Amino acid sequence: MNRIVARYQDGRILKGFTNDFVPAKDHFHLFADEHTAGARPTDVQVPDLKAVFFVKTFEGDPQHHKSNESPEGGSLLGRRIRVVFKDGEVMVGTTQGYDRSRSGFFVVPVDPASNNERCFVVAAATTAVAFR
């Protein structure tokens, strides 16, 4: 099971676990608990989302200040990319699979202390995507 935070374009946020997220599919199921046997999941429609964040913890670190700068001496996999969402949020990271014709793409944050391990960005929720 993957621990995720699903952020909708309208500002709603759902937190939970999924085992069936596939970038090419338009929906997946979200469970409130990692070990919920027989519980009914929430059906999440990907086109309604801003992004799906694969996170280390649901709480994060409130003392952490997000950095969009690469660490000194660190090696990055993929191409460096800057994403601007419709709500004004900016995400900088790397990607290995951006294609304008697809409905979304993965970004790995450049900040090694980020709570986000990776993020699936829904292309329709962005205003600008540029390689840096």
C-alpha atoms as a PDB file:
ATOM      1  CA  MET A   1       0.000   0.000   0.000  1.00  0.00           C
ATOM      2  CA  ASN A   2       1.180   3.507  -0.833  1.00  0.00           C
ATOM      3  CA  ARG A   3       0.610   6.372   1.626  1.00  0.00           C
ATOM      4  CA  ILE A   4      -0.819   9.257  -0.402  1.00  0.00           C
ATOM      5  CA  VAL A   5      -2.355  12.685  -0.174  1.00  0.00           C
ATOM      6  CA  ALA A   6      -4.796  13.422  -2.995  1.00  0.00           C
ATOM      7  CA  ARG A   7      -5.208  17.157  -3.552  1.00  0.00           C
ATOM      8  CA  TYR A   8      -8.180  18.247  -5.634  1.00  0.00           C
ATOM      9  CA  GLN A   9      -8.248  21.246  -7.952  1.00  0.00           C
ATOM     10  CA  ASP A  10     -11.037  22.735  -5.799  1.00  0.00           C
ATOM     11  CA  GLY A  11      -8.825  22.627  -2.675  1.00  0.00           C
ATOM     12  CA  ARG A  12     -10.158  19.463  -1.024  1.00  0.00           C
ATOM     13  CA  ILE A  13      -7.620  17.030   0.404  1.00  0.00           C
ATOM     14  CA  LEU A  14      -7.940  13.292   1.037  1.00  0.00           C
ATOM     15  CA  LYS A  15      -5.338  11.253   2.905  1.00  0.00           C
ATOM     16  CA  GLY A  16      -5.076   7.508   2.885  1.00  0.00           C
ATOM     17  CA  PHE A  17      -3.633   4.446   1.229  1.00  0.00           C
ATOM     18  CA  THR A  18      -3.884   2.989  -2.255  1.00  0.00           C
ATOM     19  CA  ASN A  19      -2.650  -0.089  -4.000  1.00  0.00           C
ATOM     20  CA  ASP A  20      -4.157   0.505  -7.427  1.00  0.00           C
ATOM     21  CA  PHE A  21      -2.920   3.897  -8.631  1.00  0.00           C
ATOM     22  CA  VAL A  22      -1.852   3.620 -12.276  1.00  0.00           C
ATOM     23  CA  PRO A  23      -0.957   6.823 -14.199  1.00  0.00           C
ATOM     24  CA  ALA A  24      -2.807   5.688 -17.323  1.00  0.00           C
ATOM     25  CA  LYS A  25      -6.093   5.051 -15.475  1.00  0.00           C
ATOM     26  CA  ASP A  26      -8.631   7.780 -14.706  1.00  0.00           C
ATOM     27  CA  HIS A  27      -9.463   6.558 -11.186  1.00  0.00           C
ATOM     28  CA  PHE A  28      -8.091   4.673  -8.191  1.00  0.00           C
ATOM     29  CA  HIS A  29      -9.270   3.615  -4.742  1.00  0.00           C
ATOM     30  CA  LEU A  30      -8.303   5.263  -1.468  1.00  0.00           C
ATOM     31  CA  PHE A  31      -8.535   3.490   1.878  1.00  0.00           C
ATOM     32  CA  ALA A  32      -8.608   5.443   5.145  1.00  0.00           C
ATOM     33  CA  ASP A  33      -6.436   2.855   6.885  1.00  0.00           C
ATOM     34  CA  GLU A  34      -3.565   0.728   5.639  1.00  0.00           C
ATOM     35  CA  HIS A  35      -5.022  -2.433   7.225  1.00  0.00           C
ATOM     36  CA  THR A  36      -8.739  -2.031   6.582  1.00  0.00           C
ATOM     37  CA  ALA A  37     -10.053  -5.439   5.679  1.00  0.00           C
ATOM     38  CA  GLY A  38     -13.423  -5.309   3.954  1.00  0.00           C
ATOM     39  CA  ALA A  39     -13.787  -1.533   4.260  1.00  0.00           C
ATOM     40  CA  ARG A  40     -15.287   0.365   1.350  1.00  0.00           C
ATOM     41  CA  PRO A  41     -12.710   2.569  -0.348  1.00  0.00           C
ATOM     42  CA  THR A  42     -13.286   6.034  -1.771  1.00  0.00           C
ATOM     43  CA  ASP A  43     -13.265   6.117  -5.567  1.00  0.00           C
ATOM     44  CA  VAL A  44     -10.940   8.962  -6.615  1.00  0.00           C
ATOM     45  CA  GLN A  45     -11.328  10.435 -10.095  1.00  0.00           C
ATOM     46  CA  VAL A  46      -7.885  11.552 -11.318  1.00  0.00           C
ATOM     47  CA  PRO A  47      -9.143  14.332 -13.682  1.00  0.00           C
ATOM     48  CA  ASP A  48     -10.600  16.125 -10.619  1.00  0.00           C
ATOM     49  CA  LEU A  49      -7.208  16.194  -8.897  1.00  0.00           C
ATOM     50  CA  LYS A  50      -4.372  18.682  -8.822  1.00  0.00           C
ATOM     51  CA  ALA A  51      -1.859  16.010  -7.864  1.00  0.00           C
ATOM     52  CA  VAL A  52      -1.290  12.775  -5.980  1.00  0.00           C
ATOM     53  CA  PHE A  53       1.497  13.088  -3.409  1.00  0.00           C
ATOM     54  CA  PHE A  54       3.242   9.895  -2.314  1.00  0.00           C
ATOM     55  CA  VAL A  55       4.329  10.891   1.195  1.00  0.00           C
ATOM     56  CA  LYS A  56       6.564   9.609   3.987  1.00  0.00           C
ATOM     57  CA  THR A  57       4.093  10.642   6.701  1.00  0.00           C
ATOM     58  CA  PHE A  58       0.684  12.315   6.773  1.00  0.00           C
ATOM     59  CA  GLU A  59       1.882  14.863   9.334  1.00  0.00           C
ATOM     60  CA  GLY A  60       5.039  16.022   7.546  1.00  0.00           C
ATOM     61  CA  ASP A  61       7.447  18.314   9.376  1.00  0.00           C
ATOM     62  CA  PRO A  62       5.855  21.679  10.202  1.00  0.00           C
ATOM     63  CA  GLN A  63       9.336  23.105  10.921  1.00  0.00           C
ATOM     64  CA  HIS A  64      10.612  22.216   7.435  1.00  0.00           C
ATOM     65  CA  HIS A  65      10.941  25.058   4.941  1.00  0.00           C
ATOM     66  CA  LYS A  66      10.446  23.821   1.394  1.00  0.00           C
ATOM     67  CA  SER A  67      13.398  24.341  -0.911  1.00  0.00           C
ATOM     68  CA  ASN A  68      13.266  24.402  -4.683  1.00  0.00           C
ATOM     69  CA  GLU A  69      17.055  24.388  -4.919  1.00  0.00           C
ATOM     70  CA  SER A  70      19.099  21.280  -5.649  1.00  0.00           C
ATOM     71  CA  PRO A  71      21.408  20.170  -2.835  1.00  0.00           C
ATOM     72  CA  GLU A  72      25.108  20.954  -3.346  1.00  0.00           C
ATOM     73  CA  GLY A  73      26.988  18.011  -4.756  1.00  0.00           C
ATOM     74  CA  GLY A  74      23.831  15.935  -5.067  1.00  0.00           C
ATOM     75  CA  SER A  75      23.098  13.986  -8.190  1.00  0.00           C
ATOM     76  CA  LEU A  76      19.623  14.162  -9.657  1.00  0.00           C
ATOM     77  CA  LEU A  77      17.966  11.512 -11.801  1.00  0.00           C
ATOM     78  CA  GLY A  78      15.945  12.735 -14.744  1.00  0.00           C
ATOM     79  CA  ARG A  79      15.438  16.207 -16.154  1.00  0.00           C
ATOM     80  CA  ARG A  80      14.954  19.171 -13.869  1.00  0.00           C
ATOM     81  CA  ILE A  81      11.429  20.571 -14.227  1.00  0.00           C
ATOM     82  CA  ARG A  82       9.424  23.509 -12.849  1.00  0.00           C
ATOM     83  CA  VAL A  83       5.658  23.130 -12.536  1.00  0.00           C
ATOM     84  CA  VAL A  84       3.261  25.990 -11.834  1.00  0.00           C
ATOM     85  CA  PHE A  85      -0.209  24.909 -10.732  1.00  0.00           C
ATOM     86  CA  LYS A  86      -3.388  26.881 -11.404  1.00  0.00           C
ATOM     87  CA  ASP A  87      -3.590  27.754  -7.693  1.00  0.00           C
ATOM     88  CA  GLY A  88      -0.131  29.405  -7.861  1.00  0.00           C
ATOM     89  CA  GLU A  89       1.870  26.670  -6.138  1.00  0.00           C
ATOM     90  CA  VAL A  90       5.282  26.055  -7.710  1.00  0.00           C
ATOM     91  CA  MET A  91       6.996  22.675  -7.613  1.00  0.00           C
ATOM     92  CA  VAL A  92      10.562  22.071  -8.714  1.00  0.00           C
ATOM     93  CA  GLY A  93      11.896  18.593  -9.141  1.00  0.00           C
ATOM     94  CA  THR A  94      13.012  16.054 -11.667  1.00  0.00           C
ATOM     95  CA  THR A  95      11.052  13.945 -14.101  1.00  0.00           C
ATOM     96  CA  GLN A  96      11.830  11.017 -16.310  1.00  0.00           C
ATOM     97  CA  GLY A  97       8.530  10.861 -18.132  1.00  0.00           C
ATOM     98  CA  TYR A  98       7.057  14.235 -19.036  1.00  0.00           C
ATOM     99  CA  ASP A  99       5.083  14.137 -22.274  1.00  0.00           C
ATOM    100  CA  ARG A 100       2.669  16.940 -23.193  1.00  0.00           C
ATOM    101  CA  SER A 101       0.241  14.461 -24.730  1.00  0.00           C
ATOM    102  CA  ARG A 102      -0.276  12.541 -21.477  1.00  0.00           C
ATOM    103  CA  SER A 103      -2.760  13.421 -18.762  1.00  0.00           C
ATOM    104  CA  GLY A 104      -0.056  13.604 -16.101  1.00  0.00           C
ATOM    105  CA  PHE A 105       3.522  12.888 -15.075  1.00  0.00           C
ATOM    106  CA  PHE A 106       5.667  12.113 -12.045  1.00  0.00           C
ATOM    107  CA  VAL A 107       7.942  14.631 -10.338  1.00  0.00           C
ATOM    108  CA  VAL A 108      10.497  13.827  -7.641  1.00  0.00           C
ATOM    109  CA  PRO A 109      11.200  16.870  -5.422  1.00  0.00           C
ATOM    110  CA  VAL A 110      14.746  18.305  -5.479  1.00  0.00           C
ATOM    111  CA  ASP A 111      14.507  18.924  -1.726  1.00  0.00           C
ATOM    112  CA  PRO A 112      15.901  15.769  -0.055  1.00  0.00           C
ATOM    113  CA  ALA A 113      14.131  16.678   3.209  1.00  0.00           C
ATOM    114  CA  SER A 114      10.723  16.921   1.530  1.00  0.00           C
ATOM    115  CA  ASN A 115       7.927  14.802   2.951  1.00  0.00           C
ATOM    116  CA  ASN A 116       6.982  13.995  -0.648  1.00  0.00           C
ATOM    117  CA  GLU A 117       8.747  10.974  -2.094  1.00  0.00           C
ATOM    118  CA  ARG A 118       7.240  11.646  -5.514  1.00  0.00           C
ATOM    119  CA  CYS A 119       4.212  13.353  -6.953  1.00  0.00           C
ATOM    120  CA  PHE A 120       1.917  12.574  -9.856  1.00  0.00           C
ATOM    121  CA  VAL A 121       0.993  15.929 -11.391  1.00  0.00           C
ATOM    122  CA  VAL A 122      -2.310  16.151 -13.275  1.00  0.00           C
ATOM    123  CA  ALA A 123      -1.410  18.168 -16.383  1.00  0.00           C
ATOM    124  CA  ALA A 124      -4.824  19.894 -16.575  1.00  0.00           C
ATOM    125  CA  ALA A 125      -4.173  21.427 -13.129  1.00  0.00           C
ATOM    126  CA  THR A 126      -1.066  23.300 -14.317  1.00  0.00           C
ATOM    127  CA  THR A 127      -0.554  26.648 -16.001  1.00  0.00           C
ATOM    128  CA  ALA A 128       3.113  26.170 -16.897  1.00  0.00           C
ATOM    129  CA  VAL A 129       5.585  23.310 -17.161  1.00  0.00           C
ATOM    130  CA  ALA A 130       9.187  24.051 -18.134  1.00  0.00           C
ATOM    131  CA  PHE A 131      12.503  22.270 -18.116  1.00  0.00           C
ATOM    132  CA  ARG A 132      15.232  24.118 -16.223  1.00  0.00           C
END
